Amino acid sequence: MREDHDLTQKKISKILMCDRSLYSKYERGEREIPLSLLVKLADYYNTSLDYLVCRSENPKKI
């Protein structure tokens, strides 16, 4: 979603208030992203947690 919205890792890491290198590890699957940050991302992108974790193909909030 980040790339679809033309956002940098630096921009998202600022939104999540974490280091860019840590956010990069989340994207690559090297570290598990905490639920609290997933909630922030879902709110930012106005989508569901299920969509973010690939449990739904529908990006719209229900």
N, C-alpha and C. Protein backbone atom coordinates (compact mmCIF):
# COMPACT_ATOMS: atom_id res chain seq x y z
N MET A 1 0.82 -1.19 0.00
CA MET A 1 0.00 0.00 0.00
C MET A 1 0.87 1.26 0.00
N ARG A 2 1.99 1.17 0.68
CA ARG A 2 2.87 2.35 0.75
C ARG A 2 3.27 2.79 -0.65
N GLU A 3 3.71 1.86 -1.45
CA GLU A 3 4.15 2.20 -2.81
C GLU A 3 2.97 2.64 -3.67
N ASP A 4 1.82 2.03 -3.49
CA ASP A 4 0.62 2.43 -4.25
C ASP A 4 0.24 3.88 -3.97
N HIS A 5 0.59 4.36 -2.78
CA HIS A 5 0.29 5.74 -2.40
C HIS A 5 1.50 6.67 -2.60
N ASP A 6 2.52 6.16 -3.29
CA ASP A 6 3.75 6.94 -3.56
C ASP A 6 4.37 7.52 -2.30
N LEU A 7 4.44 6.69 -1.26
CA LEU A 7 5.03 7.12 0.00
C LEU A 7 6.37 6.43 0.21
N THR A 8 7.27 7.10 0.88
CA THR A 8 8.57 6.52 1.19
C THR A 8 8.51 5.80 2.54
N GLN A 9 9.49 4.92 2.74
CA GLN A 9 9.60 4.28 4.05
C GLN A 9 9.84 5.33 5.13
N LYS A 10 10.58 6.36 4.79
CA LYS A 10 10.86 7.42 5.76
C LYS A 10 9.57 8.09 6.22
N LYS A 11 8.67 8.38 5.26
CA LYS A 11 7.40 9.03 5.60
C LYS A 11 6.56 8.14 6.52
N ILE A 12 6.44 6.86 6.18
CA ILE A 12 5.63 5.95 7.00
C ILE A 12 6.28 5.74 8.36
N SER A 13 7.60 5.64 8.39
CA SER A 13 8.26 5.46 9.69
C SER A 13 8.02 6.66 10.60
N LYS A 14 7.92 7.86 10.03
CA LYS A 14 7.60 9.04 10.84
C LYS A 14 6.17 8.96 11.37
N ILE A 15 5.26 8.50 10.54
CA ILE A 15 3.86 8.36 10.96
C ILE A 15 3.76 7.35 12.11
N LEU A 16 4.53 6.26 12.00
CA LEU A 16 4.50 5.22 13.02
C LEU A 16 5.41 5.53 14.21
N MET A 17 6.20 6.61 14.07
CA MET A 17 7.16 7.01 15.10
C MET A 17 8.15 5.89 15.41
N CYS A 18 8.74 5.35 14.33
CA CYS A 18 9.78 4.34 14.50
C CYS A 18 10.91 4.66 13.52
N ASP A 19 12.04 4.03 13.70
CA ASP A 19 13.18 4.23 12.82
C ASP A 19 12.90 3.65 11.44
N ARG A 20 13.40 4.31 10.39
CA ARG A 20 13.17 3.82 9.03
C ARG A 20 13.72 2.43 8.83
N SER A 21 14.89 2.13 9.40
CA SER A 21 15.47 0.80 9.22
C SER A 21 14.59 -0.27 9.88
N LEU A 22 13.96 0.06 11.00
CA LEU A 22 13.05 -0.88 11.64
C LEU A 22 11.81 -1.10 10.77
N TYR A 23 11.27 -0.02 10.23
CA TYR A 23 10.11 -0.16 9.35
C TYR A 23 10.47 -1.00 8.12
N SER A 24 11.65 -0.83 7.60
CA SER A 24 12.11 -1.62 6.46
C SER A 24 12.12 -3.11 6.82
N LYS A 25 12.52 -3.43 8.02
CA LYS A 25 12.52 -4.84 8.46
C LYS A 25 11.09 -5.37 8.56
N TYR A 26 10.15 -4.53 8.97
CA TYR A 26 8.74 -4.94 8.99
C TYR A 26 8.29 -5.30 7.58
N GLU A 27 8.62 -4.45 6.61
CA GLU A 27 8.20 -4.69 5.23
C GLU A 27 8.82 -5.96 4.66
N ARG A 28 10.06 -6.21 4.99
CA ARG A 28 10.75 -7.39 4.47
C ARG A 28 10.40 -8.66 5.23
N GLY A 29 9.66 -8.53 6.32
CA GLY A 29 9.29 -9.70 7.11
C GLY A 29 10.38 -10.18 8.05
N GLU A 30 11.38 -9.35 8.28
CA GLU A 30 12.46 -9.71 9.19
C GLU A 30 12.09 -9.49 10.64
N ARG A 31 11.14 -8.62 10.88
CA ARG A 31 10.61 -8.37 12.22
C ARG A 31 9.11 -8.36 12.13
N GLU A 32 8.46 -8.83 13.18
CA GLU A 32 7.00 -8.82 13.20
C GLU A 32 6.53 -7.44 13.67
N ILE A 33 5.60 -6.88 12.92
CA ILE A 33 5.10 -5.54 13.25
C ILE A 33 4.09 -5.65 14.39
N PRO A 34 4.23 -4.83 15.41
CA PRO A 34 3.30 -4.88 16.54
C PRO A 34 1.88 -4.50 16.12
N LEU A 35 0.91 -5.07 16.79
CA LEU A 35 -0.49 -4.79 16.49
C LEU A 35 -0.80 -3.30 16.57
N SER A 36 -0.23 -2.62 17.52
CA SER A 36 -0.50 -1.18 17.67
C SER A 36 -0.08 -0.41 16.41
N LEU A 37 1.00 -0.82 15.77
CA LEU A 37 1.43 -0.15 14.54
C LEU A 37 0.56 -0.55 13.35
N LEU A 38 0.09 -1.79 13.34
CA LEU A 38 -0.84 -2.20 12.29
C LEU A 38 -2.13 -1.38 12.36
N VAL A 39 -2.58 -1.12 13.57
CA VAL A 39 -3.79 -0.31 13.74
C VAL A 39 -3.55 1.10 13.21
N LYS A 40 -2.38 1.67 13.50
CA LYS A 40 -2.06 3.00 12.98
C LYS A 40 -2.04 3.01 11.45
N LEU A 41 -1.46 1.96 10.87
CA LEU A 41 -1.41 1.88 9.41
C LEU A 41 -2.82 1.74 8.82
N ALA A 42 -3.64 0.90 9.42
CA ALA A 42 -5.01 0.73 8.94
C ALA A 42 -5.76 2.06 9.00
N ASP A 43 -5.60 2.79 10.07
CA ASP A 43 -6.24 4.10 10.19
C ASP A 43 -5.70 5.07 9.14
N TYR A 44 -4.39 5.08 8.96
CA TYR A 44 -3.78 5.99 8.00
C TYR A 44 -4.28 5.72 6.58
N TYR A 45 -4.32 4.45 6.20
CA TYR A 45 -4.74 4.08 4.86
C TYR A 45 -6.26 3.94 4.73
N ASN A 46 -6.96 4.11 5.84
CA ASN A 46 -8.42 3.97 5.88
C ASN A 46 -8.85 2.61 5.33
N THR A 47 -8.22 1.57 5.86
CA THR A 47 -8.51 0.20 5.44
C THR A 47 -8.64 -0.68 6.67
N SER A 48 -8.94 -1.94 6.45
CA SER A 48 -9.12 -2.86 7.57
C SER A 48 -7.81 -3.57 7.92
N LEU A 49 -7.73 -4.04 9.14
CA LEU A 49 -6.58 -4.85 9.54
C LEU A 49 -6.53 -6.13 8.72
N ASP A 50 -7.68 -6.71 8.44
CA ASP A 50 -7.71 -7.93 7.63
C ASP A 50 -7.06 -7.72 6.27
N TYR A 51 -7.28 -6.58 5.66
CA TYR A 51 -6.66 -6.30 4.37
C TYR A 51 -5.14 -6.17 4.52
N LEU A 52 -4.70 -5.50 5.57
CA LEU A 52 -3.27 -5.32 5.78
C LEU A 52 -2.54 -6.63 6.01
N VAL A 53 -3.19 -7.58 6.63
CA VAL A 53 -2.54 -8.86 6.92
C VAL A 53 -2.97 -9.96 5.95
N CYS A 54 -3.50 -9.53 4.80
CA CYS A 54 -3.85 -10.44 3.69
C CYS A 54 -4.92 -11.47 4.04
N ARG A 55 -5.84 -11.09 4.90
CA ARG A 55 -6.97 -11.97 5.22
C ARG A 55 -8.22 -11.57 4.45
N SER A 56 -8.10 -10.49 3.68
CA SER A 56 -9.21 -10.02 2.86
C SER A 56 -8.64 -9.38 1.61
N GLU A 57 -9.37 -9.49 0.53
CA GLU A 57 -8.95 -8.84 -0.72
C GLU A 57 -9.66 -7.50 -0.89
N ASN A 58 -10.54 -7.16 0.05
CA ASN A 58 -11.28 -5.93 -0.01
C ASN A 58 -10.60 -4.86 0.84
N PRO A 59 -10.05 -3.83 0.20
CA PRO A 59 -9.33 -2.81 0.97
C PRO A 59 -10.23 -1.84 1.74
N LYS A 60 -11.53 -1.88 1.48
CA LYS A 60 -12.44 -0.95 2.14
C LYS A 60 -12.77 -1.41 3.54
N LYS A 61 -12.90 -0.44 4.46
CA LYS A 61 -13.35 -0.75 5.81
C LYS A 61 -14.77 -1.23 5.77
N ILE A 62 -15.09 -2.16 6.63
CA ILE A 62 -16.46 -2.67 6.70
C ILE A 62 -17.15 -2.07 7.89
